[in-house]
Amino acid sequence: MIKNATIWLTGLPSSGKTTLSQRLKDNLLSNGIDNVELLDGEDFRRKLNNFNYLTYPKS
């Protein structure tokens, strides 16, 4: 039995990584695996931006 695992999805922008990861999370939860955390890069950047930790150059 696997106790811990990390699934890292990579791909081009707008290639469906977030959609796939959300569906995978839902599937794991519905199969009784309740310790699932979804870390999405865009959400992470947005949260950092809200705290002014990360800034992007203006183009």
Protein backbone atom coordinates (compact mmCIF):
# COMPACT_ATOMS: atom_id res chain seq x y z
CA MET A 1 0.00 0.00 0.00
CA ILE A 2 1.32 3.43 -0.94
CA LYS A 3 1.36 5.72 2.11
CA ASN A 4 2.53 8.91 0.41
CA ALA A 5 2.74 10.01 -3.18
CA THR A 6 3.25 13.10 -5.26
CA ILE A 7 1.75 13.43 -8.71
CA TRP A 8 3.32 16.28 -10.66
CA LEU A 9 1.57 17.34 -13.86
CA THR A 10 3.55 19.36 -16.37
CA GLY A 11 2.66 20.74 -19.75
CA LEU A 12 2.13 23.77 -21.90
CA PRO A 13 -0.08 26.64 -20.74
CA SER A 14 -3.80 25.96 -21.25
CA SER A 15 -3.16 22.26 -21.89
CA GLY A 16 -5.63 21.08 -19.24
CA LYS A 17 -3.35 20.44 -16.25
CA THR A 18 -5.69 22.14 -13.78
CA THR A 19 -8.78 20.39 -15.13
CA LEU A 20 -7.04 17.02 -15.04
CA SER A 21 -5.70 17.57 -11.53
CA GLN A 22 -9.12 18.62 -10.21
CA ARG A 23 -10.72 15.51 -11.70
CA LEU A 24 -7.95 13.33 -10.29
CA LYS A 25 -8.46 14.87 -6.85
CA ASP A 26 -12.23 14.28 -7.05
CA ASN A 27 -11.62 10.67 -8.10
CA LEU A 28 -9.21 10.04 -5.24
CA LEU A 29 -11.60 11.59 -2.73
CA SER A 30 -14.54 9.54 -4.02
CA ASN A 31 -12.43 6.38 -3.63
CA GLY A 32 -11.82 7.03 0.05
CA ILE A 33 -8.44 8.73 -0.16
CA ASP A 34 -9.18 11.79 1.92
CA ASN A 35 -5.71 13.22 2.44
CA VAL A 36 -5.40 14.94 -0.96
CA GLU A 37 -3.95 18.38 -1.52
CA LEU A 38 -4.08 20.21 -4.84
CA LEU A 39 -1.37 22.81 -5.42
CA ASP A 40 -1.97 24.74 -8.61
CA GLY A 41 0.77 27.07 -9.83
CA GLU A 42 -1.63 29.82 -10.88
CA ASP A 43 -3.38 29.81 -7.50
CA PHE A 44 0.01 29.87 -5.79
CA ARG A 45 1.18 32.87 -7.85
CA ARG A 46 -2.11 34.68 -7.24
CA LYS A 47 -1.80 34.20 -3.46
CA LEU A 48 1.80 35.41 -3.49
CA ASN A 49 0.77 38.45 -5.53
CA ASN A 50 -1.94 39.28 -2.98
CA PHE A 51 0.76 39.49 -0.31
CA ASN A 52 3.08 41.47 -2.64
CA TYR A 53 5.74 38.76 -2.47
CA LEU A 54 5.85 38.33 -6.20
CA THR A 55 5.71 40.99 -8.87
CA TYR A 56 5.74 40.68 -12.61
CA PRO A 57 7.41 43.24 -14.86
CA LYS A 58 4.96 45.43 -16.72
CA SER A 59 5.11 44.89 -20.46
